[in-house]
Amino acid sequence: MKFNIRGENMEVTAALREYVVKKVGRLAKYFETPQPAEAQVTMRVLRNEATIEVTIPLGGVIIRAEETHDDMYAAIDLVAEKLERQIRKHKTKLMRKLRVETNNKALLRDNESIAVLTTDENEEDDVEIDIVRTKRFDLKPMDAYEAVMQMDMLGHNFFVFQNSETNDVNVVYRRNDGRYGLIEPK
């Protein structure tokens, strides 16, 4: 596995670099290919707290984890454990998905699992909106079930994707009750 390790507000020492390669490099045993894409590692220190963020793109799936601790080595240990749990969970879901012979669309299309967001037309228009960050990414074609898996892997509350069946841009999101919703264009 290749690593792109960078530090923010800190210098990445050779010992830290070796420790990251040793701990995160152990995850390579879970990958089918000997050399997955480059792992992006960002370490930062802010207010005496060490934070490490690791992102590993794997052919359409992104494994990502972030941990904060007083000690950078402890944060590295925690992020490696979190990544390993995510990879095992993802592999289990993929294996389960391969075994299930039902249509993937049926898994998220029952009336209880779909929620439609509506906007309130009476909202005030004079609310100041401050966009502080813009992200750009490639939309990979996938079904809603795969999008939910990807969202869970990233630890986000929503995920934007291109529906492989309709080629439309859709959004899956986690509802407050723990279930999932799907937003589709008309």
C-alpha atoms as a PDB file:
ATOM      1  CA  MET A   1       0.000   0.000   0.000  1.00  0.00           C
ATOM      2  CA  LYS A   2       1.257   3.472  -0.875  1.00  0.00           C
ATOM      3  CA  PHE A   3       0.900   6.365   1.550  1.00  0.00           C
ATOM      4  CA  ASN A   4       0.618  10.127   1.112  1.00  0.00           C
ATOM      5  CA  ILE A   5       1.272  11.423   4.623  1.00  0.00           C
ATOM      6  CA  ARG A   6       1.119  15.119   5.423  1.00  0.00           C
ATOM      7  CA  GLY A   7       1.044  17.185   8.557  1.00  0.00           C
ATOM      8  CA  GLU A   8      -0.865  20.351   9.412  1.00  0.00           C
ATOM      9  CA  ASN A   9       0.514  22.520  12.212  1.00  0.00           C
ATOM     10  CA  MET A  10       3.126  19.845  12.861  1.00  0.00           C
ATOM     11  CA  GLU A  11       6.132  18.118  11.376  1.00  0.00           C
ATOM     12  CA  VAL A  12       5.678  14.480  10.381  1.00  0.00           C
ATOM     13  CA  THR A  13       8.711  12.747  11.839  1.00  0.00           C
ATOM     14  CA  ALA A  14      10.206   9.560  10.454  1.00  0.00           C
ATOM     15  CA  ALA A  15       8.999   7.675  13.553  1.00  0.00           C
ATOM     16  CA  LEU A  16       5.402   8.866  13.042  1.00  0.00           C
ATOM     17  CA  ARG A  17       5.588   8.005   9.339  1.00  0.00           C
ATOM     18  CA  GLU A  18       6.858   4.486  10.118  1.00  0.00           C
ATOM     19  CA  TYR A  19       4.166   3.979  12.752  1.00  0.00           C
ATOM     20  CA  VAL A  20       1.389   4.991  10.337  1.00  0.00           C
ATOM     21  CA  VAL A  21       2.786   2.705   7.623  1.00  0.00           C
ATOM     22  CA  LYS A  22       3.054  -0.159  10.129  1.00  0.00           C
ATOM     23  CA  LYS A  23      -0.447   0.240  11.628  1.00  0.00           C
ATOM     24  CA  VAL A  24      -2.474   1.214   8.559  1.00  0.00           C
ATOM     25  CA  GLY A  25      -0.368  -1.016   6.305  1.00  0.00           C
ATOM     26  CA  ARG A  26      -1.706  -4.055   8.177  1.00  0.00           C
ATOM     27  CA  LEU A  27      -5.061  -3.420   6.503  1.00  0.00           C
ATOM     28  CA  ALA A  28      -3.585  -4.517   3.166  1.00  0.00           C
ATOM     29  CA  LYS A  29      -4.369  -8.126   4.138  1.00  0.00           C
ATOM     30  CA  TYR A  30      -8.059  -7.349   3.551  1.00  0.00           C
ATOM     31  CA  PHE A  31      -7.565  -6.171  -0.016  1.00  0.00           C
ATOM     32  CA  GLU A  32      -7.774  -8.481  -3.010  1.00  0.00           C
ATOM     33  CA  THR A  33      -5.289  -6.459  -5.030  1.00  0.00           C
ATOM     34  CA  PRO A  34      -1.727  -6.239  -3.738  1.00  0.00           C
ATOM     35  CA  GLN A  35      -1.523  -2.454  -4.211  1.00  0.00           C
ATOM     36  CA  PRO A  36      -4.764  -0.528  -3.668  1.00  0.00           C
ATOM     37  CA  ALA A  37      -4.882   3.167  -4.445  1.00  0.00           C
ATOM     38  CA  GLU A  38      -2.800   5.526  -2.390  1.00  0.00           C
ATOM     39  CA  ALA A  39      -3.899   6.068   1.221  1.00  0.00           C
ATOM     40  CA  GLN A  40      -4.238   9.763   2.092  1.00  0.00           C
ATOM     41  CA  VAL A  41      -3.154  10.438   5.681  1.00  0.00           C
ATOM     42  CA  THR A  42      -3.460  13.866   7.288  1.00  0.00           C
ATOM     43  CA  MET A  43      -2.161  14.482  10.795  1.00  0.00           C
ATOM     44  CA  ARG A  44      -2.770  17.724  12.648  1.00  0.00           C
ATOM     45  CA  VAL A  45      -2.325  19.145  16.109  1.00  0.00           C
ATOM     46  CA  LEU A  46      -4.746  21.772  17.346  1.00  0.00           C
ATOM     47  CA  ARG A  47      -5.075  22.933  20.954  1.00  0.00           C
ATOM     48  CA  ASN A  48      -2.894  20.050  22.210  1.00  0.00           C
ATOM     49  CA  GLU A  49      -5.144  17.474  20.526  1.00  0.00           C
ATOM     50  CA  ALA A  50      -3.739  15.210  17.840  1.00  0.00           C
ATOM     51  CA  THR A  51      -6.065  14.325  14.961  1.00  0.00           C
ATOM     52  CA  ILE A  52      -5.416  11.825  12.197  1.00  0.00           C
ATOM     53  CA  GLU A  53      -7.597  11.372   9.131  1.00  0.00           C
ATOM     54  CA  VAL A  54      -7.104   8.430   6.745  1.00  0.00           C
ATOM     55  CA  THR A  55      -8.849   8.014   3.388  1.00  0.00           C
ATOM     56  CA  ILE A  56      -8.367   4.917   1.229  1.00  0.00           C
ATOM     57  CA  PRO A  57     -10.134   4.838  -2.164  1.00  0.00           C
ATOM     58  CA  LEU A  58     -10.861   1.265  -3.279  1.00  0.00           C
ATOM     59  CA  GLY A  59     -12.389   1.062  -6.750  1.00  0.00           C
ATOM     60  CA  GLY A  60     -15.599   2.994  -6.212  1.00  0.00           C
ATOM     61  CA  VAL A  61     -15.659   2.618  -2.420  1.00  0.00           C
ATOM     62  CA  ILE A  62     -13.945   5.045  -0.094  1.00  0.00           C
ATOM     63  CA  ILE A  63     -12.851   3.910   3.359  1.00  0.00           C
ATOM     64  CA  ARG A  64     -12.400   6.902   5.678  1.00  0.00           C
ATOM     65  CA  ALA A  65     -11.802   7.361   9.384  1.00  0.00           C
ATOM     66  CA  GLU A  66     -10.804  10.201  11.667  1.00  0.00           C
ATOM     67  CA  GLU A  67      -9.723  10.075  15.306  1.00  0.00           C
ATOM     68  CA  THR A  68      -8.625  12.641  17.878  1.00  0.00           C
ATOM     69  CA  HIS A  69      -6.606  11.940  21.021  1.00  0.00           C
ATOM     70  CA  ASP A  70      -4.101  13.642  23.319  1.00  0.00           C
ATOM     71  CA  ASP A  71      -1.331  11.445  21.872  1.00  0.00           C
ATOM     72  CA  MET A  72      -0.740  11.070  18.116  1.00  0.00           C
ATOM     73  CA  TYR A  73       0.348   7.417  18.482  1.00  0.00           C
ATOM     74  CA  ALA A  74      -2.870   6.587  20.339  1.00  0.00           C
ATOM     75  CA  ALA A  75      -4.871   8.389  17.633  1.00  0.00           C
ATOM     76  CA  ILE A  76      -3.097   6.279  14.987  1.00  0.00           C
ATOM     77  CA  ASP A  77      -4.006   3.098  16.885  1.00  0.00           C
ATOM     78  CA  LEU A  78      -7.643   4.189  17.152  1.00  0.00           C
ATOM     79  CA  VAL A  79      -7.956   5.136  13.484  1.00  0.00           C
ATOM     80  CA  ALA A  80      -6.391   1.820  12.401  1.00  0.00           C
ATOM     81  CA  GLU A  81      -8.940  -0.086  14.519  1.00  0.00           C
ATOM     82  CA  LYS A  82     -11.800   1.986  13.109  1.00  0.00           C
ATOM     83  CA  LEU A  83     -10.630   1.385   9.521  1.00  0.00           C
ATOM     84  CA  GLU A  84     -10.343  -2.346  10.153  1.00  0.00           C
ATOM     85  CA  ARG A  85     -13.905  -2.470  11.527  1.00  0.00           C
ATOM     86  CA  GLN A  86     -15.172  -0.569   8.482  1.00  0.00           C
ATOM     87  CA  ILE A  87     -13.385  -2.865   6.040  1.00  0.00           C
ATOM     88  CA  ARG A  88     -14.680  -6.001   7.774  1.00  0.00           C
ATOM     89  CA  LYS A  89     -18.200  -4.546   7.866  1.00  0.00           C
ATOM     90  CA  HIS A  90     -18.012  -3.620   4.188  1.00  0.00           C
ATOM     91  CA  LYS A  91     -16.746  -7.064   3.179  1.00  0.00           C
ATOM     92  CA  THR A  92     -19.500  -8.718   5.227  1.00  0.00           C
ATOM     93  CA  LYS A  93     -22.138  -6.543   3.559  1.00  0.00           C
ATOM     94  CA  LEU A  94     -20.750  -7.308   0.111  1.00  0.00           C
ATOM     95  CA  MET A  95     -20.741 -11.040   0.783  1.00  0.00           C
ATOM     96  CA  ARG A  96     -24.268 -10.846   2.167  1.00  0.00           C
ATOM     97  CA  LYS A  97     -25.359  -8.851  -0.861  1.00  0.00           C
ATOM     98  CA  LEU A  98     -23.929 -11.471  -3.206  1.00  0.00           C
ATOM     99  CA  ARG A  99     -25.808 -14.213  -1.364  1.00  0.00           C
ATOM    100  CA  VAL A 100     -29.128 -12.430  -1.322  1.00  0.00           C
ATOM    101  CA  GLU A 101     -31.018 -13.263  -4.486  1.00  0.00           C
ATOM    102  CA  THR A 102     -33.638 -10.579  -4.142  1.00  0.00           C
ATOM    103  CA  ASN A 103     -33.590  -7.459  -6.222  1.00  0.00           C
ATOM    104  CA  ASN A 104     -31.432  -4.750  -4.626  1.00  0.00           C
ATOM    105  CA  LYS A 105     -34.051  -2.168  -5.422  1.00  0.00           C
ATOM    106  CA  ALA A 106     -36.591  -3.997  -3.276  1.00  0.00           C
ATOM    107  CA  LEU A 107     -34.350  -3.595  -0.227  1.00  0.00           C
ATOM    108  CA  LEU A 108     -34.926   0.157  -0.069  1.00  0.00           C
ATOM    109  CA  ARG A 109     -38.217   0.584  -1.909  1.00  0.00           C
ATOM    110  CA  ASP A 110     -40.795  -0.469   0.646  1.00  0.00           C
ATOM    111  CA  ASN A 111     -43.016   2.303   1.963  1.00  0.00           C
ATOM    112  CA  GLU A 112     -41.475   2.231   5.426  1.00  0.00           C
ATOM    113  CA  SER A 113     -37.893   2.730   4.222  1.00  0.00           C
ATOM    114  CA  ILE A 114     -38.425   5.605   1.800  1.00  0.00           C
ATOM    115  CA  ALA A 115     -38.922   9.159   2.918  1.00  0.00           C
ATOM    116  CA  VAL A 116     -39.546  12.114   0.669  1.00  0.00           C
ATOM    117  CA  LEU A 117     -38.272  15.511   1.703  1.00  0.00           C
ATOM    118  CA  THR A 118     -40.613  18.408   1.124  1.00  0.00           C
ATOM    119  CA  THR A 119     -39.759  22.068   1.454  1.00  0.00           C
ATOM    120  CA  ASP A 120     -41.847  24.559   3.294  1.00  0.00           C
ATOM    121  CA  GLU A 121     -42.845  27.303   0.880  1.00  0.00           C
ATOM    122  CA  ASN A 122     -43.359  29.726   3.770  1.00  0.00           C
ATOM    123  CA  GLU A 123     -39.691  29.752   4.780  1.00  0.00           C
ATOM    124  CA  GLU A 124     -38.147  33.175   5.129  1.00  0.00           C
ATOM    125  CA  ASP A 125     -35.959  34.215   2.202  1.00  0.00           C
ATOM    126  CA  ASP A 126     -33.882  36.757   4.108  1.00  0.00           C
ATOM    127  CA  VAL A 127     -31.810  34.130   5.967  1.00  0.00           C
ATOM    128  CA  GLU A 128     -28.116  34.700   5.384  1.00  0.00           C
ATOM    129  CA  ILE A 129     -26.390  31.640   3.953  1.00  0.00           C
ATOM    130  CA  ASP A 130     -22.665  31.268   4.469  1.00  0.00           C
ATOM    131  CA  ILE A 131     -21.124  28.478   2.374  1.00  0.00           C
ATOM    132  CA  VAL A 132     -17.752  27.734   3.947  1.00  0.00           C
ATOM    133  CA  ARG A 133     -16.664  24.710   1.934  1.00  0.00           C
ATOM    134  CA  THR A 134     -17.236  23.310  -1.531  1.00  0.00           C
ATOM    135  CA  LYS A 135     -16.495  19.709  -2.473  1.00  0.00           C
ATOM    136  CA  ARG A 136     -16.282  18.247  -5.946  1.00  0.00           C
ATOM    137  CA  PHE A 137     -16.291  14.542  -6.637  1.00  0.00           C
ATOM    138  CA  ASP A 138     -17.052  12.047  -9.381  1.00  0.00           C
ATOM    139  CA  LEU A 139     -20.490  10.481  -9.291  1.00  0.00           C
ATOM    140  CA  LYS A 140     -20.094   6.756  -9.677  1.00  0.00           C
ATOM    141  CA  PRO A 141     -23.091   4.774 -10.940  1.00  0.00           C
ATOM    142  CA  MET A 142     -24.472   2.519  -8.189  1.00  0.00           C
ATOM    143  CA  ASP A 143     -27.775   1.367  -6.786  1.00  0.00           C
ATOM    144  CA  ALA A 144     -29.327   2.768  -3.608  1.00  0.00           C
ATOM    145  CA  TYR A 145     -28.158  -0.189  -1.508  1.00  0.00           C
ATOM    146  CA  GLU A 146     -24.524   0.407  -2.507  1.00  0.00           C
ATOM    147  CA  ALA A 147     -24.935   4.130  -1.814  1.00  0.00           C
ATOM    148  CA  VAL A 148     -26.158   3.385   1.719  1.00  0.00           C
ATOM    149  CA  MET A 149     -23.136   1.130   2.265  1.00  0.00           C
ATOM    150  CA  GLN A 150     -20.809   3.858   0.979  1.00  0.00           C
ATOM    151  CA  MET A 151     -22.490   6.454   3.210  1.00  0.00           C
ATOM    152  CA  ASP A 152     -22.028   4.207   6.244  1.00  0.00           C
ATOM    153  CA  MET A 153     -18.395   3.587   5.328  1.00  0.00           C
ATOM    154  CA  LEU A 154     -17.736   7.322   5.196  1.00  0.00           C
ATOM    155  CA  GLY A 155     -19.659   7.957   8.403  1.00  0.00           C
ATOM    156  CA  HIS A 156     -21.814  10.628   6.761  1.00  0.00           C
ATOM    157  CA  ASN A 157     -25.535  11.314   7.170  1.00  0.00           C
ATOM    158  CA  PHE A 158     -26.173  11.572   3.436  1.00  0.00           C
ATOM    159  CA  PHE A 159     -24.601  10.460   0.156  1.00  0.00           C
ATOM    160  CA  VAL A 160     -25.030  11.799  -3.373  1.00  0.00           C
ATOM    161  CA  PHE A 161     -24.750   9.231  -6.174  1.00  0.00           C
ATOM    162  CA  GLN A 162     -25.728   8.484  -9.758  1.00  0.00           C
ATOM    163  CA  ASN A 163     -28.437   5.838  -9.841  1.00  0.00           C
ATOM    164  CA  SER A 164     -27.198   3.039 -12.123  1.00  0.00           C
ATOM    165  CA  GLU A 165     -30.758   2.128 -13.138  1.00  0.00           C
ATOM    166  CA  THR A 166     -32.058   5.604 -14.047  1.00  0.00           C
ATOM    167  CA  ASN A 167     -28.788   7.569 -14.528  1.00  0.00           C
ATOM    168  CA  ASP A 168     -30.334  10.324 -12.363  1.00  0.00           C
ATOM    169  CA  VAL A 169     -28.568  11.955  -9.444  1.00  0.00           C
ATOM    170  CA  ASN A 170     -30.074  10.650  -6.188  1.00  0.00           C
ATOM    171  CA  VAL A 171     -29.395  11.181  -2.499  1.00  0.00           C
ATOM    172  CA  VAL A 172     -29.670   8.639   0.303  1.00  0.00           C
ATOM    173  CA  TYR A 173     -29.749   9.870   3.880  1.00  0.00           C
ATOM    174  CA  ARG A 174     -30.021   8.563   7.424  1.00  0.00           C
ATOM    175  CA  ARG A 175     -33.285   9.473   9.115  1.00  0.00           C
ATOM    176  CA  ASN A 176     -33.590  10.361  12.795  1.00  0.00           C
ATOM    177  CA  ASP A 177     -35.274   7.006  13.429  1.00  0.00           C
ATOM    178  CA  GLY A 178     -32.171   5.171  12.139  1.00  0.00           C
ATOM    179  CA  ARG A 179     -33.709   4.076   8.846  1.00  0.00           C
ATOM    180  CA  TYR A 180     -32.778   5.436   5.418  1.00  0.00           C
ATOM    181  CA  GLY A 181     -34.414   7.764   2.929  1.00  0.00           C
ATOM    182  CA  LEU A 182     -33.947   8.192  -0.804  1.00  0.00           C
ATOM    183  CA  ILE A 183     -34.377  11.461  -2.699  1.00  0.00           C
ATOM    184  CA  GLU A 184     -35.082  11.147  -6.437  1.00  0.00           C
ATOM    185  CA  PRO A 185     -35.808  13.841  -9.049  1.00  0.00           C
ATOM    186  CA  LYS A 186     -39.262  13.855 -10.668  1.00  0.00           C
END
